[in-house]
């Protein structure tokens, strides 16, 4: 499991400022987790979110690891069973586990009594085992054909890179390389350009040689950009000021681009957090984004598409939010008055 880092210091800006509201994040975790447990269906899925069960499972596992609440683990395991029940293995075409489903199962594996040997790990290993380089390419091509743009395939392929790396599949490098190649095609004509950058950073930082000097592309918008440049670029898409400050813009040009808002969407903020956290060195940016994300969790645990101006609700937002929030006991160490510095799918037009 990725170890979260917390760096807390004093900041002077004409006086001491920057009160950390630990309870805001603590409460958000519990509200979102409890809502998912309460509303889970008997088959292990959530109404209207059957296709996004993997992300919810991963969030509940994180919630369990953060709080020790047994019902979160039980609900996550039921969601994992649902994924296994509906999924047929296959290669060479757009079939089998989606990336978030495979990733969710690896999170269950890592939280199990024996991470090295369990049914979740076995299922993921069995899925990737038949793939070769040509099979990975065919799978990615099928997703590109199906979605007609790069950002949604990149979201799923990034999680395939993480999951295949977890089970140490022989072709894990092909999934990682596919993330880079998909990123090279992302621009503002795609559905979720900044989220694409964020998920790429999230996956690439944790696989292969990490964020090294590999060049994304020799031509086009990403010509000459190295992997080590990506976290700084992602941080540059965090909103600096205004009503939606500390969330993330949704597109690279920081325009509305046909959406209702240029920023403030939950998923862009969630994956922006995950990307910067995985990259390391962006504690202040991560913390500020977590606080605004936590503020968007409703009193009843609902999480919406937009943090400040909600229009669309889906359980997957709660699951994804749980993936991006930190350990409440660590934040609780600050105490009141502590000071610090430091599918893609449903966006409404």
Protein backbone atom coordinates (compact mmCIF):
# COMPACT_ATOMS: atom_id res chain seq x y z
CA UNK A 1 0.00 0.00 0.00
CA UNK A 2 1.24 3.47 -0.84
CA UNK A 3 2.38 5.12 2.37
CA UNK A 4 0.84 8.54 2.78
CA UNK A 5 3.16 11.29 3.92
CA UNK A 6 2.20 14.17 6.14
CA UNK A 7 4.47 17.17 6.62
CA UNK A 8 3.19 19.74 9.09
CA UNK A 9 5.01 22.99 9.78
CA UNK A 10 4.25 26.56 10.78
CA UNK A 11 3.56 29.21 8.19
CA UNK A 12 3.95 32.94 8.65
CA UNK A 13 1.91 35.31 6.52
CA UNK A 14 1.78 38.48 8.62
CA UNK A 15 0.80 36.16 11.48
CA UNK A 16 0.06 32.49 11.96
CA UNK A 17 -2.55 31.11 9.55
CA UNK A 18 -3.72 27.84 8.11
CA UNK A 19 -5.88 25.99 10.64
CA UNK A 20 -6.21 22.30 9.77
CA UNK A 21 -9.74 21.02 10.24
CA UNK A 22 -9.02 17.37 10.96
CA UNK A 23 -12.64 16.68 11.85
CA UNK A 24 -13.78 17.77 8.38
CA UNK A 25 -11.85 14.95 6.73
CA UNK A 26 -12.55 12.46 9.53
CA UNK A 27 -16.28 13.05 9.25
CA UNK A 28 -16.24 12.88 5.46
CA UNK A 29 -14.63 9.44 5.56
CA UNK A 30 -17.22 8.10 7.99
CA UNK A 31 -20.20 9.67 6.23
CA UNK A 32 -19.19 8.38 2.80
CA UNK A 33 -18.25 4.92 4.10
CA UNK A 34 -21.42 4.51 6.15
CA UNK A 35 -23.59 5.57 3.22
CA UNK A 36 -21.99 2.97 0.95
CA UNK A 37 -22.49 0.23 3.54
CA UNK A 38 -26.13 1.18 4.12
CA UNK A 39 -27.07 1.39 0.45
CA UNK A 40 -25.25 -1.65 -0.89
CA UNK A 41 -27.53 -4.08 -2.69
CA UNK A 42 -27.88 -7.73 -1.82
CA UNK A 43 -25.76 -8.76 -4.80
CA UNK A 44 -22.85 -6.58 -3.65
CA UNK A 45 -23.38 -3.70 -6.09
CA UNK A 46 -24.83 -0.21 -5.78
CA UNK A 47 -27.86 1.11 -7.65
CA UNK A 48 -26.79 2.85 -10.84
CA UNK A 49 -23.12 2.09 -10.22
CA UNK A 50 -22.74 -1.57 -11.17
CA UNK A 51 -20.19 -0.67 -13.82
CA UNK A 52 -18.14 1.29 -11.30
CA UNK A 53 -18.01 -1.26 -8.50
CA UNK A 54 -14.22 -1.53 -8.67
CA UNK A 55 -13.69 2.10 -7.68
CA UNK A 56 -16.16 1.76 -4.81
CA UNK A 57 -14.47 -1.41 -3.58
CA UNK A 58 -11.06 0.32 -3.61
CA UNK A 59 -12.50 3.24 -1.64
CA UNK A 60 -14.11 1.01 0.97
CA UNK A 61 -10.85 -0.89 1.43
CA UNK A 62 -9.09 2.41 2.04
CA UNK A 63 -11.85 3.40 4.44
CA UNK A 64 -11.38 0.14 6.32
CA UNK A 65 -7.62 0.57 6.51
CA UNK A 66 -8.03 4.12 7.77
CA UNK A 67 -10.74 3.56 10.37
CA UNK A 68 -10.74 -0.17 11.15
CA UNK A 69 -14.52 -0.25 10.58
CA UNK A 70 -15.25 -3.91 9.86
CA UNK A 71 -18.43 -3.19 7.91
CA UNK A 72 -16.37 -1.34 5.29
CA UNK A 73 -14.26 -4.43 4.70
CA UNK A 74 -17.35 -6.65 4.56
CA UNK A 75 -19.00 -4.36 2.01
CA UNK A 76 -15.79 -4.20 -0.05
CA UNK A 77 -15.57 -8.00 -0.14
CA UNK A 78 -19.20 -8.26 -1.23
CA UNK A 79 -18.41 -5.79 -4.02
CA UNK A 80 -15.43 -7.91 -4.99
CA UNK A 81 -17.67 -10.98 -5.18
CA UNK A 82 -20.01 -9.03 -7.46
CA UNK A 83 -17.11 -8.20 -9.79
CA UNK A 84 -16.11 -11.86 -9.97
CA UNK A 85 -19.71 -12.93 -10.56
CA UNK A 86 -20.26 -10.66 -13.57
CA UNK A 87 -16.83 -10.88 -15.21
CA UNK A 88 -15.74 -13.38 -17.83
CA UNK A 89 -12.01 -13.68 -18.47
CA UNK A 90 -10.66 -13.06 -21.96
CA UNK A 91 -7.91 -11.32 -23.93
CA UNK A 92 -7.42 -9.65 -27.26
CA UNK A 93 -10.68 -7.72 -27.16
CA UNK A 94 -12.59 -5.33 -24.91
CA UNK A 95 -13.64 -8.01 -22.40
CA UNK A 96 -12.80 -9.17 -18.88
CA UNK A 97 -11.97 -6.91 -15.95
CA UNK A 98 -12.07 -3.18 -16.48
CA UNK A 99 -9.05 -1.46 -14.99
CA UNK A 100 -10.84 -0.19 -11.89
CA UNK A 101 -12.26 -3.67 -11.27
CA UNK A 102 -8.81 -5.27 -11.40
CA UNK A 103 -7.39 -2.50 -9.22
CA UNK A 104 -10.22 -2.85 -6.70
CA UNK A 105 -9.50 -6.57 -6.40
CA UNK A 106 -5.81 -5.89 -5.75
CA UNK A 107 -6.79 -3.54 -2.94
CA UNK A 108 -8.88 -6.35 -1.45
CA UNK A 109 -5.89 -8.66 -1.83
CA UNK A 110 -3.57 -6.25 -0.08
CA UNK A 111 -5.98 -5.91 2.86
CA UNK A 112 -6.49 -9.66 3.21
CA UNK A 113 -4.98 -11.85 5.91
CA UNK A 114 -2.46 -13.21 3.39
CA UNK A 115 -1.77 -10.68 0.62
CA UNK A 116 0.57 -13.09 -1.16
CA UNK A 117 -2.10 -15.77 -1.58
CA UNK A 118 -5.84 -15.13 -1.74
CA UNK A 119 -8.74 -15.46 -4.15
CA UNK A 120 -8.61 -11.77 -5.15
CA UNK A 121 -4.96 -11.96 -6.16
CA UNK A 122 -5.54 -15.25 -7.95
CA UNK A 123 -8.41 -13.81 -9.99
CA UNK A 124 -6.35 -10.82 -11.10
CA UNK A 125 -3.35 -12.99 -11.90
CA UNK A 126 -5.54 -15.33 -13.96
CA UNK A 127 -6.92 -12.40 -15.91
CA UNK A 128 -3.52 -11.03 -16.94
CA UNK A 129 -1.80 -14.37 -17.45
CA UNK A 130 -2.93 -15.02 -21.07
CA UNK A 131 -1.94 -11.55 -22.28
CA UNK A 132 1.13 -10.94 -24.41
CA UNK A 133 2.29 -7.64 -25.89
CA UNK A 134 0.00 -8.02 -28.88
CA UNK A 135 -2.92 -8.80 -26.58
CA UNK A 136 -2.34 -5.66 -24.53
CA UNK A 137 -2.22 -3.59 -27.72
CA UNK A 138 -5.40 -5.19 -29.02
CA UNK A 139 -7.19 -4.53 -25.73
CA UNK A 140 -6.16 -0.86 -25.74
CA UNK A 141 -7.13 -0.49 -29.41
CA UNK A 142 -10.54 -1.95 -28.63
CA UNK A 143 -11.05 0.63 -25.89
CA UNK A 144 -10.00 3.45 -28.21
CA UNK A 145 -12.48 2.24 -30.82
CA UNK A 146 -15.25 1.88 -28.25
CA UNK A 147 -14.81 5.29 -26.60
CA UNK A 148 -13.52 7.27 -29.57
CA UNK A 149 -11.06 9.28 -27.48
CA UNK A 150 -8.02 8.73 -25.25
CA UNK A 151 -8.98 9.92 -21.78
CA UNK A 152 -11.44 7.20 -20.79
CA UNK A 153 -9.20 4.34 -21.99
CA UNK A 154 -6.28 5.99 -20.17
CA UNK A 155 -8.29 6.01 -16.93
CA UNK A 156 -8.82 2.26 -17.14
CA UNK A 157 -5.42 1.34 -18.59
CA UNK A 158 -3.65 3.26 -15.81
CA UNK A 159 -5.36 1.00 -13.31
CA UNK A 160 -4.49 -2.06 -15.38
CA UNK A 161 -0.87 -0.92 -15.08
CA UNK A 162 -1.22 -0.74 -11.30
CA UNK A 163 -3.02 -4.08 -11.03
CA UNK A 164 -0.69 -5.99 -13.37
CA UNK A 165 2.26 -4.55 -11.47
CA UNK A 166 0.74 -5.76 -8.19
CA UNK A 167 0.58 -9.37 -9.40
CA UNK A 168 3.97 -8.98 -11.14
CA UNK A 169 2.58 -10.02 -14.51
CA UNK A 170 5.16 -10.61 -17.24
CA UNK A 171 3.56 -7.94 -19.43
CA UNK A 172 3.15 -5.27 -16.77
CA UNK A 173 5.56 -3.09 -18.76
CA UNK A 174 3.23 -3.17 -21.76
CA UNK A 175 0.36 -1.78 -19.69
CA UNK A 176 2.64 0.95 -18.36
CA UNK A 177 3.85 1.82 -21.85
CA UNK A 178 0.24 1.99 -23.02
CA UNK A 179 -0.42 4.64 -20.37
CA UNK A 180 2.38 6.77 -21.83
CA UNK A 181 1.18 6.28 -25.40
CA UNK A 182 -2.41 7.16 -24.50
CA UNK A 183 -1.28 10.27 -22.63
CA UNK A 184 0.57 11.39 -25.77
CA UNK A 185 -2.79 11.64 -27.55
CA UNK A 186 -4.68 13.54 -24.83
CA UNK A 187 -5.75 17.10 -25.54
CA UNK A 188 -8.75 19.28 -24.81
CA UNK A 189 -10.90 17.48 -27.37
CA UNK A 190 -10.92 14.53 -24.95
CA UNK A 191 -13.51 14.10 -22.22
CA UNK A 192 -11.26 14.40 -19.16
CA UNK A 193 -7.83 15.79 -20.07
CA UNK A 194 -6.60 16.88 -16.62
CA UNK A 195 -7.95 13.72 -15.02
CA UNK A 196 -6.06 11.79 -17.70
CA UNK A 197 -2.83 13.50 -16.70
CA UNK A 198 -3.59 12.81 -13.05
CA UNK A 199 -4.31 9.11 -13.52
CA UNK A 200 -1.19 8.76 -15.66
CA UNK A 201 0.96 10.32 -12.93
CA UNK A 202 -0.73 8.10 -10.32
CA UNK A 203 0.07 4.92 -12.24
CA UNK A 204 3.48 5.82 -13.67
CA UNK A 205 4.84 6.98 -10.30
CA UNK A 206 4.14 3.54 -8.82
CA UNK A 207 5.24 1.26 -11.65
CA UNK A 208 8.35 0.49 -13.66
CA UNK A 209 11.11 3.06 -13.29
CA UNK A 210 8.72 5.69 -11.96
CA UNK A 211 8.69 9.28 -13.14
CA UNK A 212 12.02 9.27 -14.92
CA UNK A 213 13.42 10.98 -18.02
CA UNK A 214 11.34 8.91 -20.46
CA UNK A 215 9.83 11.21 -23.10
CA UNK A 216 6.05 11.06 -23.53
CA UNK A 217 6.18 11.83 -27.24
CA UNK A 218 8.56 13.11 -29.88
CA UNK A 219 5.80 15.04 -31.65
CA UNK A 220 2.55 16.83 -30.92
CA UNK A 221 1.35 18.57 -27.77
CA UNK A 222 3.50 16.40 -25.50
CA UNK A 223 6.70 16.60 -27.57
CA UNK A 224 9.79 16.55 -25.37
CA UNK A 225 7.83 16.28 -22.12
CA UNK A 226 9.52 13.85 -19.75
CA UNK A 227 7.69 11.76 -17.16
CA UNK A 228 9.48 13.66 -14.41
CA UNK A 229 7.82 16.85 -15.72
CA UNK A 230 4.29 15.52 -15.30
CA UNK A 231 3.71 16.17 -11.56
CA UNK A 232 4.64 19.83 -11.94
CA UNK A 233 2.30 20.10 -14.90
CA UNK A 234 -0.49 18.48 -12.88
CA UNK A 235 0.09 20.85 -9.95
CA UNK A 236 -0.21 23.71 -12.42
CA UNK A 237 -3.80 22.66 -13.09
CA UNK A 238 -4.85 23.14 -9.45
CA UNK A 239 -7.01 26.24 -9.02
CA UNK A 240 -5.01 28.92 -7.20
CA UNK A 241 -7.78 31.28 -6.13
CA UNK A 242 -11.46 32.11 -6.42
CA UNK A 243 -14.60 30.23 -5.55
CA UNK A 244 -13.27 26.84 -6.62
CA UNK A 245 -9.77 27.28 -5.18
CA UNK A 246 -7.75 24.12 -4.45
CA UNK A 247 -9.85 21.93 -6.75
CA UNK A 248 -8.55 21.17 -10.25
CA UNK A 249 -9.43 22.48 -13.69
CA UNK A 250 -10.99 19.83 -15.86
CA UNK A 251 -9.23 20.73 -19.11
CA UNK A 252 -5.73 21.79 -20.02
CA UNK A 253 -6.77 25.22 -21.30
CA UNK A 254 -8.64 26.11 -18.07
CA UNK A 255 -11.83 26.95 -19.96
CA UNK A 256 -15.37 25.68 -19.51
CA UNK A 257 -14.97 23.83 -22.80
CA UNK A 258 -18.70 23.23 -23.10
CA UNK A 259 -19.12 22.08 -19.49
CA UNK A 260 -20.92 24.13 -16.85
CA UNK A 261 -17.73 25.08 -15.02
CA UNK A 262 -14.01 25.21 -15.72
CA UNK A 263 -13.14 23.51 -12.42
CA UNK A 264 -14.49 22.19 -9.12
CA UNK A 265 -15.52 18.71 -10.29
CA UNK A 266 -15.11 15.93 -7.75
CA UNK A 267 -13.33 13.41 -9.96
CA UNK A 268 -10.71 15.85 -11.25
CA UNK A 269 -9.92 16.73 -7.65
CA UNK A 270 -9.88 13.09 -6.52
CA UNK A 271 -7.43 11.93 -9.16
CA UNK A 272 -5.42 15.14 -8.90
CA UNK A 273 -4.89 14.24 -5.24
CA UNK A 274 -3.95 10.65 -6.05
CA UNK A 275 -1.51 11.76 -8.75
CA UNK A 276 0.29 14.35 -6.66
CA UNK A 277 0.38 12.06 -3.62
CA UNK A 278 1.95 9.27 -5.67
CA UNK A 279 4.50 11.65 -7.17
CA UNK A 280 5.56 13.00 -3.78
CA UNK A 281 6.66 16.48 -2.81
CA UNK A 282 3.25 18.17 -3.06
CA UNK A 283 2.01 17.91 0.53
CA UNK A 284 0.51 21.40 0.68
CA UNK A 285 -1.36 20.97 -2.60
CA UNK A 286 -2.65 17.53 -1.59
CA UNK A 287 -3.84 18.68 1.81
CA UNK A 288 -5.68 21.72 0.47
CA UNK A 289 -7.39 19.60 -2.21
CA UNK A 290 -8.39 16.98 0.37
CA UNK A 291 -10.04 19.62 2.51
CA UNK A 292 -12.19 20.94 -0.32
CA UNK A 293 -13.02 17.40 -1.42
CA UNK A 294 -14.10 16.50 2.12
CA UNK A 295 -16.28 19.62 2.24
CA UNK A 296 -18.25 18.23 -0.70
CA UNK A 297 -19.41 15.12 1.18
CA UNK A 298 -23.02 15.75 2.16
CA UNK A 299 -24.23 15.21 5.73
CA UNK A 300 -25.87 11.94 4.60
CA UNK A 301 -22.73 10.74 2.80
CA UNK A 302 -23.76 11.69 -0.74
CA UNK A 303 -21.00 12.86 -3.06
CA UNK A 304 -21.86 14.69 -6.25
CA UNK A 305 -20.22 15.45 -9.57
CA UNK A 306 -19.32 19.00 -8.54
CA UNK A 307 -18.05 19.93 -5.08
CA UNK A 308 -19.77 23.32 -4.87
CA UNK A 309 -22.63 23.04 -7.37
CA UNK A 310 -23.87 19.44 -7.30
CA UNK A 311 -26.11 18.25 -10.10
CA UNK A 312 -25.42 14.53 -10.49
CA UNK A 313 -25.13 11.91 -7.74
CA UNK A 314 -23.51 8.51 -8.05
CA UNK A 315 -22.15 6.11 -5.43
CA UNK A 316 -18.89 5.90 -7.35
CA UNK A 317 -18.06 9.46 -6.31
CA UNK A 318 -18.19 8.38 -2.66
CA UNK A 319 -15.96 5.39 -3.38
CA UNK A 320 -13.44 7.49 -5.28
CA UNK A 321 -13.48 10.11 -2.53
CA UNK A 322 -12.58 7.45 0.02
CA UNK A 323 -9.57 6.52 -2.11
CA UNK A 324 -8.24 10.08 -1.89
CA UNK A 325 -8.68 10.94 1.78
CA UNK A 326 -5.93 10.40 4.38
CA UNK A 327 -5.73 8.57 7.65
CA UNK A 328 -7.94 10.43 10.16
CA UNK A 329 -5.80 9.52 13.19
CA UNK A 330 -2.82 11.27 11.58
CA UNK A 331 -4.80 14.44 10.99
CA UNK A 332 -6.22 14.14 14.50
CA UNK A 333 -2.71 14.46 15.93
CA UNK A 334 -2.75 18.09 14.86
CA UNK A 335 -5.55 18.99 17.25
CA UNK A 336 -7.78 22.04 17.00
CA UNK A 337 -5.83 25.13 16.07
CA UNK A 338 -2.78 23.28 14.79
CA UNK A 339 -1.02 25.08 12.00
CA UNK A 340 0.40 23.74 8.80
CA UNK A 341 1.88 24.44 5.44
CA UNK A 342 2.23 22.00 3.53
CA UNK A 343 -17.04 7.21 -16.91
CA UNK A 344 -14.83 10.12 -17.80
CA UNK A 345 -18.36 9.25 -17.41
CA UNK A 346 -21.01 11.55 -16.10
CA UNK A 347 -20.04 15.21 -16.35
CA UNK A 348 -23.05 17.37 -17.00
CA UNK A 349 -22.94 19.91 -19.85
